[in-house]
C-alpha atoms as a PDB file:
ATOM      1  CA  MET A   1     -61.030 -14.811-101.824  1.00  0.00           C
ATOM      2  CA  ALA A   2     -59.881 -11.417-101.617  1.00  0.00           C
ATOM      3  CA  ARG A   3     -61.142  -9.238 -98.834  1.00  0.00           C
ATOM      4  CA  ILE A   4     -61.008  -5.119 -98.312  1.00  0.00           C
ATOM      5  CA  ARG A   5     -58.492  -5.002 -95.881  1.00  0.00           C
ATOM      6  CA  THR A   6     -56.918  -2.028 -94.644  1.00  0.00           C
ATOM      7  CA  ILE A   7     -53.974  -0.114 -95.799  1.00  0.00           C
ATOM      8  CA  LYS A   8     -52.787   2.091 -93.579  1.00  0.00           C
ATOM      9  CA  PRO A   9     -50.289   5.529 -94.735  1.00  0.00           C
ATOM     10  CA  GLU A  10     -47.523   4.822 -92.043  1.00  0.00           C
ATOM     11  CA  LEU A  11     -46.931   1.657 -94.604  1.00  0.00           C
ATOM     12  CA  TRP A  12     -45.023   4.146 -97.251  1.00  0.00           C
ATOM     13  CA  SER A  13     -42.470   4.884 -94.634  1.00  0.00           C
ATOM     14  CA  ASN A  14     -42.171   1.609 -92.703  1.00  0.00           C
ATOM     15  CA  ASP A  15     -38.807   0.882 -92.516  1.00  0.00           C
ATOM     16  CA  LYS A  16     -39.584  -2.803 -92.768  1.00  0.00           C
ATOM     17  CA  VAL A  17     -41.534  -1.923 -96.273  1.00  0.00           C
ATOM     18  CA  CYS A  18     -38.594   0.553 -97.724  1.00  0.00           C
ATOM     19  CA  THR A  19     -35.988  -2.432 -97.957  1.00  0.00           C
ATOM     20  CA  VAL A  20     -37.711  -4.530-100.899  1.00  0.00           C
ATOM     21  CA  THR A  21     -38.492  -3.935-104.155  1.00  0.00           C
ATOM     22  CA  LEU A  22     -41.620  -2.172-105.549  1.00  0.00           C
ATOM     23  CA  PRO A  23     -42.462  -5.325-107.083  1.00  0.00           C
ATOM     24  CA  ALA A  24     -42.408  -6.971-103.697  1.00  0.00           C
ATOM     25  CA  VAL A  25     -44.350  -3.881-101.773  1.00  0.00           C
ATOM     26  CA  LEU A  26     -47.334  -4.787-103.962  1.00  0.00           C
ATOM     27  CA  THR A  27     -47.126  -8.586-103.711  1.00  0.00           C
ATOM     28  CA  PHE A  28     -47.132  -7.643-100.062  1.00  0.00           C
ATOM     29  CA  ILE A  29     -51.086  -5.949-100.339  1.00  0.00           C
ATOM     30  CA  GLY A  30     -51.846  -8.462-102.656  1.00  0.00           C
ATOM     31  CA  LEU A  31     -51.146 -11.034 -99.254  1.00  0.00           C
ATOM     32  CA  ILE A  32     -52.929  -8.586 -97.447  1.00  0.00           C
ATOM     33  CA  SER A  33     -56.061  -8.432 -99.765  1.00  0.00           C
ATOM     34  CA  HIS A  34     -55.724 -12.527 -99.951  1.00  0.00           C
ATOM     35  CA  ALA A  35     -55.020 -13.807 -96.806  1.00  0.00           C
ATOM     36  CA  ASP A  36     -57.684 -14.856 -94.687  1.00  0.00           C
ATOM     37  CA  ASP A  37     -59.181 -13.216 -91.155  1.00  0.00           C
ATOM     38  CA  GLU A  38     -56.131 -14.190 -89.215  1.00  0.00           C
ATOM     39  CA  GLY A  39     -53.628 -13.189 -91.873  1.00  0.00           C
ATOM     40  CA  ARG A  40     -52.672 -16.622 -93.133  1.00  0.00           C
ATOM     41  CA  HIS A  41     -52.504 -17.584 -96.405  1.00  0.00           C
ATOM     42  CA  THR A  42     -50.959 -21.028 -98.736  1.00  0.00           C
ATOM     43  CA  ASP A  43     -47.516 -20.660 -99.082  1.00  0.00           C
ATOM     44  CA  LYS A  44     -47.437 -21.295-102.936  1.00  0.00           C
ATOM     45  CA  ALA A  45     -45.602 -19.199-105.388  1.00  0.00           C
ATOM     46  CA  ARG A  46     -47.088 -20.241-108.288  1.00  0.00           C
ATOM     47  CA  SER A  47     -50.945 -19.766-106.610  1.00  0.00           C
ATOM     48  CA  LEU A  48     -50.130 -16.516-105.715  1.00  0.00           C
ATOM     49  CA  LYS A  49     -49.478 -15.311-108.723  1.00  0.00           C
ATOM     50  CA  GLY A  50     -52.257 -16.380-110.536  1.00  0.00           C
ATOM     51  CA  LEU A  51     -54.298 -14.259-107.813  1.00  0.00           C
ATOM     52  CA  ILE A  52     -52.421 -11.230-107.363  1.00  0.00           C
ATOM     53  CA  TRP A  53     -50.499 -10.904-110.872  1.00  0.00           C
ATOM     54  CA  ALA A  54     -53.044 -12.609-113.097  1.00  0.00           C
ATOM     55  CA  GLU A  55     -52.792  -9.838-115.911  1.00  0.00           C
ATOM     56  CA  ARG A  56     -49.502  -9.439-115.593  1.00  0.00           C
ATOM     57  CA  ASP A  57     -46.822 -11.403-118.243  1.00  0.00           C
ATOM     58  CA  GLU A  58     -43.715  -9.738-117.130  1.00  0.00           C
ATOM     59  CA  ILE A  59     -44.129 -11.319-113.701  1.00  0.00           C
ATOM     60  CA  THR A  60     -43.679 -14.680-113.496  1.00  0.00           C
ATOM     61  CA  TRP A  61     -44.298 -17.384-110.443  1.00  0.00           C
ATOM     62  CA  GLN A  62     -40.111 -17.063-110.037  1.00  0.00           C
ATOM     63  CA  ASP A  63     -40.395 -13.366-109.483  1.00  0.00           C
ATOM     64  CA  VAL A  64     -43.246 -13.897-106.845  1.00  0.00           C
ATOM     65  CA  GLU A  65     -41.138 -16.198-104.974  1.00  0.00           C
ATOM     66  CA  ASP A  66     -38.190 -13.888-104.720  1.00  0.00           C
ATOM     67  CA  HIS A  67     -40.792 -11.432-103.243  1.00  0.00           C
ATOM     68  CA  LEU A  68     -41.739 -13.540-100.813  1.00  0.00           C
ATOM     69  CA  GLN A  69     -37.892 -14.380-100.138  1.00  0.00           C
ATOM     70  CA  GLN A  70     -37.541 -10.390 -99.790  1.00  0.00           C
ATOM     71  CA  LEU A  71     -40.740 -10.234 -97.634  1.00  0.00           C
ATOM     72  CA  GLU A  72     -40.106 -12.984 -94.851  1.00  0.00           C
ATOM     73  CA  GLN A  73     -35.662 -11.370 -95.281  1.00  0.00           C
ATOM     74  CA  ALA A  74     -37.143  -7.746 -94.092  1.00  0.00           C
ATOM     75  CA  GLY A  75     -39.775  -9.547 -91.039  1.00  0.00           C
ATOM     76  CA  LEU A  76     -43.091  -8.653 -92.997  1.00  0.00           C
ATOM     77  CA  ILE A  77     -44.228 -12.291 -93.402  1.00  0.00           C
ATOM     78  CA  CYS A  78     -43.395 -15.549 -91.958  1.00  0.00           C
ATOM     79  CA  ARG A  79     -43.145 -18.664 -93.781  1.00  0.00           C
ATOM     80  CA  TYR A  80     -43.640 -21.996 -91.746  1.00  0.00           C
ATOM     81  CA  ALA A  81     -44.760 -25.278 -92.096  1.00  0.00           C
ATOM     82  CA  GLY A  82     -48.015 -26.586 -90.418  1.00  0.00           C
ATOM     83  CA  CYS A  83     -49.138 -29.366 -88.815  1.00  0.00           C
ATOM     84  CA  ASP A  84     -50.593 -31.423 -91.702  1.00  0.00           C
ATOM     85  CA  GLY A  85     -46.757 -30.661 -93.423  1.00  0.00           C
ATOM     86  CA  LYS A  86     -48.065 -28.301 -95.933  1.00  0.00           C
ATOM     87  CA  ALA A  87     -46.232 -25.088 -96.179  1.00  0.00           C
ATOM     88  CA  TYR A  88     -48.406 -21.987 -95.251  1.00  0.00           C
ATOM     89  CA  LEU A  89     -47.338 -17.980 -94.426  1.00  0.00           C
ATOM     90  CA  HIS A  90     -48.956 -15.544 -92.031  1.00  0.00           C
ATOM     91  CA  LEU A  91     -48.517 -11.744 -92.252  1.00  0.00           C
ATOM     92  CA  VAL A  92     -46.783 -10.992 -88.896  1.00  0.00           C
ATOM     93  CA  GLY A  93     -48.226  -7.551 -87.535  1.00  0.00           C
ATOM     94  CA  TRP A  94     -51.327  -8.653 -88.945  1.00  0.00           C
ATOM     95  CA  PHE A  95     -53.990  -8.088 -85.857  1.00  0.00           C
ATOM     96  CA  GLU A  96     -52.158  -5.036 -85.103  1.00  0.00           C
ATOM     97  CA  HIS A  97     -52.642  -3.312 -88.123  1.00  0.00           C
ATOM     98  CA  GLN A  98     -55.917  -5.388 -89.212  1.00  0.00           C
ATOM     99  CA  LYS A  99     -59.437  -4.905 -87.027  1.00  0.00           C
ATOM    100  CA  ILE A 100     -61.833  -7.804 -88.171  1.00  0.00           C
ATOM    101  CA  SER A 101     -65.572  -6.900 -87.024  1.00  0.00           C
ATOM    102  CA  HIS A 102     -66.836 -10.470 -87.268  1.00  0.00           C
ATOM    103  CA  PRO A 103     -63.852 -13.126 -88.453  1.00  0.00           C
ATOM    104  CA  THR A 104     -64.034 -15.716 -89.903  1.00  0.00           C
ATOM    105  CA  PRO A 105     -61.756 -18.619 -88.219  1.00  0.00           C
ATOM    106  CA  SER A 106     -59.031 -19.261 -90.737  1.00  0.00           C
ATOM    107  CA  ARG A 107     -59.208 -23.132 -92.004  1.00  0.00           C
ATOM    108  CA  TYR A 108     -55.077 -22.661 -92.579  1.00  0.00           C
ATOM    109  CA  ALA A 109     -53.084 -24.323 -89.693  1.00  0.00           C
ATOM    110  CA  ALA A 110     -51.208 -21.991 -86.871  1.00  0.00           C
ATOM    111  CA  CYS A 111     -47.832 -20.673 -87.019  1.00  0.00           C
ATOM    112  CA  PRO A 112     -45.985 -22.674 -84.560  1.00  0.00           C
ATOM    113  CA  THR A 113     -43.341 -19.888 -83.408  1.00  0.00           C
ATOM    114  CA  HIS A 114     -45.698 -16.437 -83.503  1.00  0.00           C
ATOM    115  CA  PRO A 115     -49.015 -16.770 -81.572  1.00  0.00           C
ATOM    116  CA  ALA A 116     -52.047 -15.192 -82.444  1.00  0.00           C
ATOM    117  CA  PRO A 117     -53.984 -13.090 -79.361  1.00  0.00           C
ATOM    118  CA  GLY A 118     -57.535 -14.964 -78.250  1.00  0.00           C
ATOM    119  CA  PRO A 119     -59.366 -17.561 -80.190  1.00  0.00           C
ATOM    120  CA  ALA A 120     -56.861 -17.054 -83.435  1.00  0.00           C
ATOM    121  CA  GLN A 121     -54.285 -19.525 -81.048  1.00  0.00           C
ATOM    122  CA  SER A 122     -55.960 -22.249 -82.627  1.00  0.00           C
ATOM    123  CA  CYS A 123     -55.157 -24.349 -85.913  1.00  0.00           C
ATOM    124  CA  GLY A 124     -57.003 -24.271 -88.516  1.00  0.00           C
ATOM    125  CA  ARG A 125     -56.329 -28.027 -89.377  1.00  0.00           C
ATOM    126  CA  CYS A 126     -56.202 -30.137 -86.170  1.00  0.00           C
ATOM    127  CA  GLN A 127     -58.462 -27.344 -83.832  1.00  0.00           C
ATOM    128  CA  GLN A 128     -55.758 -27.581 -81.189  1.00  0.00           C
ATOM    129  CA  VAL A 129     -53.667 -25.020 -79.543  1.00  0.00           C
ATOM    130  CA  HIS A 130     -49.557 -25.335 -80.313  1.00  0.00           C
ATOM    131  CA  SER A 131     -47.161 -24.885 -77.572  1.00  0.00           C
ATOM    132  CA  LEU A 132     -44.648 -22.659 -78.510  1.00  0.00           C
ATOM    133  CA  ALA A 133     -41.154 -24.112 -79.469  1.00  0.00           C
ATOM    134  CA  PRO A 134     -38.151 -22.184 -80.598  1.00  0.00           C
ATOM    135  CA  GLU A 135     -37.989 -24.538 -83.804  1.00  0.00           C
ATOM    136  CA  GLN A 136     -40.171 -26.224 -85.429  1.00  0.00           C
ATOM    137  CA  PRO A 137     -39.271 -28.617 -88.661  1.00  0.00           C
ATOM    138  CA  GLY A 138     -39.686 -26.240 -91.635  1.00  0.00           C
ATOM    139  CA  HIS A 139     -40.018 -23.087 -89.684  1.00  0.00           C
ATOM    140  CA  ARG A 140     -37.707 -20.336 -91.374  1.00  0.00           C
ATOM    141  CA  ASN A 141     -37.318 -17.406 -89.132  1.00  0.00           C
ATOM    142  CA  GLU A 142     -35.155 -17.080 -85.864  1.00  0.00           C
ATOM    143  CA  PRO A 143     -36.990 -18.459 -82.714  1.00  0.00           C
ATOM    144  CA  THR A 144     -39.216 -16.223 -80.606  1.00  0.00           C
ATOM    145  CA  THR A 145     -38.628 -16.025 -77.153  1.00  0.00           C
ATOM    146  CA  PRO A 146     -39.998 -18.463 -74.729  1.00  0.00           C
ATOM    147  CA  PRO A 147     -42.974 -17.726 -72.425  1.00  0.00           C
ATOM    148  CA  ILE A 148     -42.598 -17.047 -69.165  1.00  0.00           C
ATOM    149  CA  GLN A 149     -42.866 -19.121 -66.213  1.00  0.00           C
ATOM    150  CA  GLU A 150     -45.791 -18.361 -63.756  1.00  0.00           C
ATOM    151  CA  SER A 151     -43.372 -18.878 -61.141  1.00  0.00           C
ATOM    152  CA  ALA A 152     -41.108 -16.692 -62.275  1.00  0.00           C
ATOM    153  CA  ILE A 153     -44.375 -13.625 -61.992  1.00  0.00           C
ATOM    154  CA  GLU A 154     -44.011 -11.757 -58.400  1.00  0.00           C
ATOM    155  CA  THR A 155     -46.339  -9.752 -57.281  1.00  0.00           C
ATOM    156  CA  ALA A 156     -45.546  -5.780 -56.938  1.00  0.00           C
ATOM    157  CA  GLY A 157     -44.048  -5.149 -53.463  1.00  0.00           C
ATOM    158  CA  GLN A 158     -43.009  -8.880 -53.340  1.00  0.00           C
ATOM    159  CA  GLY A 159     -39.814 -11.220 -53.219  1.00  0.00           C
ATOM    160  CA  THR A 160     -36.850 -10.286 -53.828  1.00  0.00           C
ATOM    161  CA  SER A 161     -35.003  -8.797 -56.974  1.00  0.00           C
ATOM    162  CA  PRO A 162     -32.359 -11.012 -58.172  1.00  0.00           C
ATOM    163  CA  GLU A 163     -29.971  -8.165 -58.853  1.00  0.00           C
ATOM    164  CA  PRO A 164     -28.728  -5.011 -56.248  1.00  0.00           C
ATOM    165  CA  LEU A 165     -31.250  -2.627 -56.657  1.00  0.00           C
ATOM    166  CA  GLN A 166     -28.116   0.212 -55.933  1.00  0.00           C
ATOM    167  CA  ARG A 167     -25.939   1.055 -58.378  1.00  0.00           C
ATOM    168  CA  THR A 168     -22.301   0.178 -58.344  1.00  0.00           C
ATOM    169  CA  PRO A 169     -20.395   3.333 -58.039  1.00  0.00           C
ATOM    170  CA  GLU A 170     -17.917   4.589 -60.091  1.00  0.00           C
ATOM    171  CA  PRO A 171     -14.283   5.704 -59.245  1.00  0.00           C
ATOM    172  CA  LEU A 172     -13.940   9.482 -59.696  1.00  0.00           C
ATOM    173  CA  ALA A 173     -10.758  11.270 -60.882  1.00  0.00           C
ATOM    174  CA  PRO A 174     -10.662  14.781 -60.324  1.00  0.00           C
ATOM    175  CA  GLY A 175     -10.759  17.300 -62.821  1.00  0.00           C
ATOM    176  CA  SER A 176     -13.846  18.319 -64.753  1.00  0.00           C
ATOM    177  CA  GLY A 177     -16.744  16.457 -65.374  1.00  0.00           C
ATOM    178  CA  ILE A 178     -16.475  16.978 -69.031  1.00  0.00           C
ATOM    179  CA  LYS A 179     -14.004  14.729 -70.829  1.00  0.00           C
ATOM    180  CA  ASP A 180     -13.403  15.517 -74.950  1.00  0.00           C
ATOM    181  CA  LEU A 181     -13.591  11.363 -76.173  1.00  0.00           C
ATOM    182  CA  GLY A 182     -12.734  13.122 -79.632  1.00  0.00           C
ATOM    183  CA  SER A 183     -14.888  12.328 -82.883  1.00  0.00           C
ATOM    184  CA  SER A 184     -15.687   9.027 -84.533  1.00  0.00           C
ATOM    185  CA  PRO A 185     -13.710   8.339 -87.625  1.00  0.00           C
ATOM    186  CA  TYR A 186     -16.720   6.012 -88.410  1.00  0.00           C
ATOM    187  CA  GLY A 187     -19.895   8.513 -88.020  1.00  0.00           C
ATOM    188  CA  ASP A 188     -20.983   9.530 -85.410  1.00  0.00           C
ATOM    189  CA  GLY A 189     -20.266   6.215 -83.109  1.00  0.00           C
ATOM    190  CA  PHE A 190     -17.850   4.297 -82.422  1.00  0.00           C
ATOM    191  CA  ALA A 191     -18.256   1.299 -85.401  1.00  0.00           C
ATOM    192  CA  ALA A 192     -15.638  -0.532 -86.923  1.00  0.00           C
ATOM    193  CA  PRO A 193     -14.505  -0.161 -90.009  1.00  0.00           C
ATOM    194  CA  PRO A 194     -16.379  -2.125 -92.888  1.00  0.00           C
ATOM    195  CA  LEU A 195     -15.433  -5.401 -93.960  1.00  0.00           C
ATOM    196  CA  GLN A 196     -14.020  -5.768 -96.554  1.00  0.00           C
ATOM    197  CA  PRO A 197     -14.157  -9.584 -99.090  1.00  0.00           C
ATOM    198  CA  PRO A 198     -11.162 -11.792 -99.207  1.00  0.00           C
ATOM    199  CA  THR A 199     -10.649 -10.881-102.867  1.00  0.00           C
ATOM    200  CA  PRO A 200     -11.878  -8.391-105.073  1.00  0.00           C
ATOM    201  CA  PRO A 201     -14.812  -9.260-107.493  1.00  0.00           C
ATOM    202  CA  ARG A 202     -13.447 -10.889-110.365  1.00  0.00           C
ATOM    203  CA  GLY A 203     -14.669 -12.947-113.345  1.00  0.00           C
ATOM    204  CA  GLN A 204     -16.054 -12.327-117.247  1.00  0.00           C
ATOM    205  CA  THR A 205     -19.128 -14.733-117.313  1.00  0.00           C
ATOM    206  CA  ALA A 206     -22.696 -14.621-114.944  1.00  0.00           C
ATOM    207  CA  GLN A 207     -20.729 -18.486-113.226  1.00  0.00           C
ATOM    208  CA  GLU A 208     -17.686 -16.888-112.345  1.00  0.00           C
ATOM    209  CA  MET A 209     -18.907 -14.339-110.876  1.00  0.00           C
ATOM    210  CA  VAL A 210     -21.437 -15.962-109.006  1.00  0.00           C
ATOM    211  CA  ALA A 211     -18.845 -18.615-108.075  1.00  0.00           C
ATOM    212  CA  TRP A 212     -16.519 -15.707-106.617  1.00  0.00           C
ATOM    213  CA  TYR A 213     -19.546 -14.500-104.252  1.00  0.00           C
ATOM    214  CA  THR A 214     -20.550 -17.768-103.075  1.00  0.00           C
ATOM    215  CA  GLY A 215     -16.425 -18.669-102.366  1.00  0.00           C
ATOM    216  CA  THR A 216     -16.740 -15.344 -99.932  1.00  0.00           C
ATOM    217  CA  PHE A 217     -19.065 -17.173 -96.954  1.00  0.00           C
ATOM    218  CA  ALA A 218     -18.229 -19.594 -94.725  1.00  0.00           C
ATOM    219  CA  THR A 219     -19.616 -23.520 -95.549  1.00  0.00           C
ATOM    220  CA  ASP A 220     -22.254 -23.197 -93.245  1.00  0.00           C
ATOM    221  CA  ARG A 221     -23.296 -19.492 -94.499  1.00  0.00           C
ATOM    222  CA  GLN A 222     -23.428 -20.210 -98.045  1.00  0.00           C
ATOM    223  CA  PRO A 223     -26.409 -18.618 -99.831  1.00  0.00           C
ATOM    224  CA  SER A 224     -29.461 -20.906-101.081  1.00  0.00           C
ATOM    225  CA  ARG A 225     -29.823 -22.194-104.231  1.00  0.00           C
ATOM    226  CA  GLU A 226     -32.749 -19.666-105.434  1.00  0.00           C
ATOM    227  CA  VAL A 227     -30.202 -16.760-103.915  1.00  0.00           C
ATOM    228  CA  ARG A 228     -26.799 -18.096-106.596  1.00  0.00           C
ATOM    229  CA  GLY A 229     -29.787 -18.666-109.404  1.00  0.00           C
ATOM    230  CA  HIS A 230     -31.152 -15.244-109.113  1.00  0.00           C
ATOM    231  CA  LEU A 231     -28.111 -13.399-108.676  1.00  0.00           C
ATOM    232  CA  GLY A 232     -26.939 -15.725-111.872  1.00  0.00           C
ATOM    233  CA  LYS A 233     -29.640 -14.960-113.716  1.00  0.00           C
ATOM    234  CA  ILE A 234     -29.648 -10.520-113.127  1.00  0.00           C
ATOM    235  CA  ILE A 235     -25.480 -10.430-113.511  1.00  0.00           C
ATOM    236  CA  LYS A 236     -26.349 -12.587-117.367  1.00  0.00           C
ATOM    237  CA  SER A 237     -28.920  -9.883-118.268  1.00  0.00           C
ATOM    238  CA  LEU A 238     -26.382  -7.017-117.200  1.00  0.00           C
ATOM    239  CA  LEU A 239     -24.119  -8.450-119.650  1.00  0.00           C
ATOM    240  CA  ASP A 240     -26.464  -9.545-122.436  1.00  0.00           C
ATOM    241  CA  GLN A 241     -27.382  -5.330-122.222  1.00  0.00           C
ATOM    242  CA  GLY A 242     -23.537  -4.622-122.904  1.00  0.00           C
ATOM    243  CA  VAL A 243     -22.724  -3.640-119.426  1.00  0.00           C
ATOM    244  CA  ALA A 244     -18.884  -3.949-118.918  1.00  0.00           C
ATOM    245  CA  PRO A 245     -17.800  -6.752-116.095  1.00  0.00           C
ATOM    246  CA  ASP A 246     -15.708  -4.518-114.340  1.00  0.00           C
ATOM    247  CA  ARG A 247     -18.859  -2.312-113.724  1.00  0.00           C
ATOM    248  CA  ILE A 248     -20.405  -5.417-112.533  1.00  0.00           C
ATOM    249  CA  HIS A 249     -17.670  -6.036-109.920  1.00  0.00           C
ATOM    250  CA  ALA A 250     -18.268  -2.635-108.522  1.00  0.00           C
ATOM    251  CA  GLY A 251     -21.747  -3.301-107.960  1.00  0.00           C
ATOM    252  CA  LEU A 252     -21.486  -6.756-106.851  1.00  0.00           C
ATOM    253  CA  LEU A 253     -18.884  -5.499-104.338  1.00  0.00           C
ATOM    254  CA  ARG A 254     -21.704  -2.467-103.287  1.00  0.00           C
ATOM    255  CA  TYR A 255     -24.140  -6.004-102.994  1.00  0.00           C
ATOM    256  CA  TRP A 256     -21.806  -8.105-100.421  1.00  0.00           C
ATOM    257  CA  HIS A 257     -21.372  -5.597 -98.325  1.00  0.00           C
ATOM    258  CA  LYS A 258     -25.466  -5.332 -98.069  1.00  0.00           C
ATOM    259  CA  PRO A 259     -26.923  -8.237 -99.335  1.00  0.00           C
ATOM    260  CA  LEU A 260     -30.674  -8.182-100.347  1.00  0.00           C
ATOM    261  CA  SER A 261     -32.794  -9.572-103.050  1.00  0.00           C
ATOM    262  CA  PRO A 262     -30.120  -9.629-106.566  1.00  0.00           C
ATOM    263  CA  SER A 263     -32.966  -7.702-107.872  1.00  0.00           C
ATOM    264  CA  VAL A 264     -30.763  -5.184-106.022  1.00  0.00           C
ATOM    265  CA  LEU A 265     -27.981  -5.403-108.743  1.00  0.00           C
ATOM    266  CA  PRO A 266     -28.788  -3.337-111.213  1.00  0.00           C
ATOM    267  CA  SER A 267     -29.693  -0.256-108.635  1.00  0.00           C
ATOM    268  CA  MET A 268     -26.101  -1.115-107.016  1.00  0.00           C
ATOM    269  CA  VAL A 269     -23.834  -0.941-110.705  1.00  0.00           C
ATOM    270  CA  HIS A 270     -25.726   2.555-111.470  1.00  0.00           C
ATOM    271  CA  GLU A 271     -24.677   3.659-107.763  1.00  0.00           C
ATOM    272  CA  ALA A 272     -21.323   2.541-108.393  1.00  0.00           C
ATOM    273  CA  ASP A 273     -21.376   4.622-111.571  1.00  0.00           C
ATOM    274  CA  ASN A 274     -22.428   7.370-110.093  1.00  0.00           C
ATOM    275  CA  PRO A 275     -21.167   7.819-106.787  1.00  0.00           C
ATOM    276  CA  ARG A 276     -22.202  10.878-104.832  1.00  0.00           C
ATOM    277  CA  ALA A 277     -20.308  12.319-101.931  1.00  0.00           C
ATOM    278  CA  ALA A 278     -22.318  12.401 -98.657  1.00  0.00           C
ATOM    279  CA  ALA A 279     -22.750  16.069 -97.460  1.00  0.00           C
ATOM    280  CA  VAL A 280     -21.228  16.976 -93.990  1.00  0.00           C
ATOM    281  CA  PRO A 281     -23.833  18.566 -91.691  1.00  0.00           C
ATOM    282  CA  ALA A 282     -22.482  21.666 -90.157  1.00  0.00           C
ATOM    283  CA  ALA A 283     -22.895  20.895 -87.022  1.00  0.00           C
ATOM    284  CA  ARG A 284     -19.711  18.339 -87.740  1.00  0.00           C
ATOM    285  CA  GLN A 285     -18.320  20.367 -90.095  1.00  0.00           C
ATOM    286  CA  PRO A 286     -14.003  21.810 -88.708  1.00  0.00           C
ATOM    287  CA  HIS A 287     -14.619  24.944 -86.923  1.00  0.00           C
ATOM    288  CA  HIS A 288     -13.135  27.805 -87.411  1.00  0.00           C
ATOM    289  CA  ALA A 289     -12.342  30.724 -84.857  1.00  0.00           C
ATOM    290  CA  TRP A 290     -12.674  34.296 -86.259  1.00  0.00           C
ATOM    291  CA  THR A 291     -10.200  36.479 -86.114  1.00  0.00           C
ATOM    292  CA  ASN A 292     -10.102  40.260 -87.026  1.00  0.00           C
ATOM    293  CA  PRO A 293      -8.078  41.464 -90.646  1.00  0.00           C
ATOM    294  CA  ALA A 294      -5.145  43.386 -90.069  1.00  0.00           C
ATOM    295  CA  ASN A 295      -6.223  45.578 -92.742  1.00  0.00           C
ATOM    296  CA  ALA A 296      -8.408  48.224 -92.032  1.00  0.00           C
ATOM    297  CA  ASP A 297      -9.780  48.690 -95.409  1.00  0.00           C
ATOM    298  CA  ALA A 298     -11.418  44.884 -94.647  1.00  0.00           C
ATOM    299  CA  TYR A 299     -14.062  46.936 -92.924  1.00  0.00           C
ATOM    300  CA  ALA A 300     -14.878  49.671 -95.356  1.00  0.00           C
ATOM    301  CA  GLY A 301     -18.116  47.647 -96.765  1.00  0.00           C
ATOM    302  CA  SER A 302     -19.920  47.809 -93.276  1.00  0.00           C
ATOM    303  CA  LEU A 303     -18.772  50.945 -92.258  1.00  0.00           C
END
């Protein structure tokens, strides 16, 4: 049953939220409303379509599945298999943003890698506190850091430090303490130039373009079947609208450099069609020394 929840103003400028599409943001807000008092819910795209998008025929359960994949990739939700073998999800920052006065214990299985504070640690199915394991069957997120052993905890001021407390002296070269290291050709840091795909995008059909995209990845890093299917669906839709294949190639190249949800491919095609040069901040523009004009008439306007 849906509940009244808190939506903080910071949600609209959150870095993770801003990486997903607007429909995915609305699905995320719907999850906040329908999650139980411990932020858990069943991971069923068909059921969530009926709960959140019941009156929106243009949103399908496949779209909801894509929203869940975006939210999982952004780190906003965690999808896992419970101790009963069923699929669940929970909102990662639930206990940080939601304050429940009289919480009802969850009936769903607990996440094996994201412990909840207090009594919420217990599993809603087996009523046990699952031990933290770096990897669990069905869990799709990166493993968390293992807990600190009690034997490694020392009282302040006792025990020996595993590392020397004094800083190793650095060799000092004579001369000025200010050294001009020069400017980096790739932004403010010393980042390497952007990677380039093995071959330029090619193909005249959606199947050929998806085959190119899939072929650019190593065998053990292949995109999932859902991603390939959704990408082919978006490319076919663009072709049906009359978008030229070379325009899709340009957008697909941008998508290769930033592989988010395939739903952003039309935006990247539009971005490739309308490139805009980034404005150079005044602090980074080349400095030109000021010199007095040789012609005295140049001072006539200010004297």
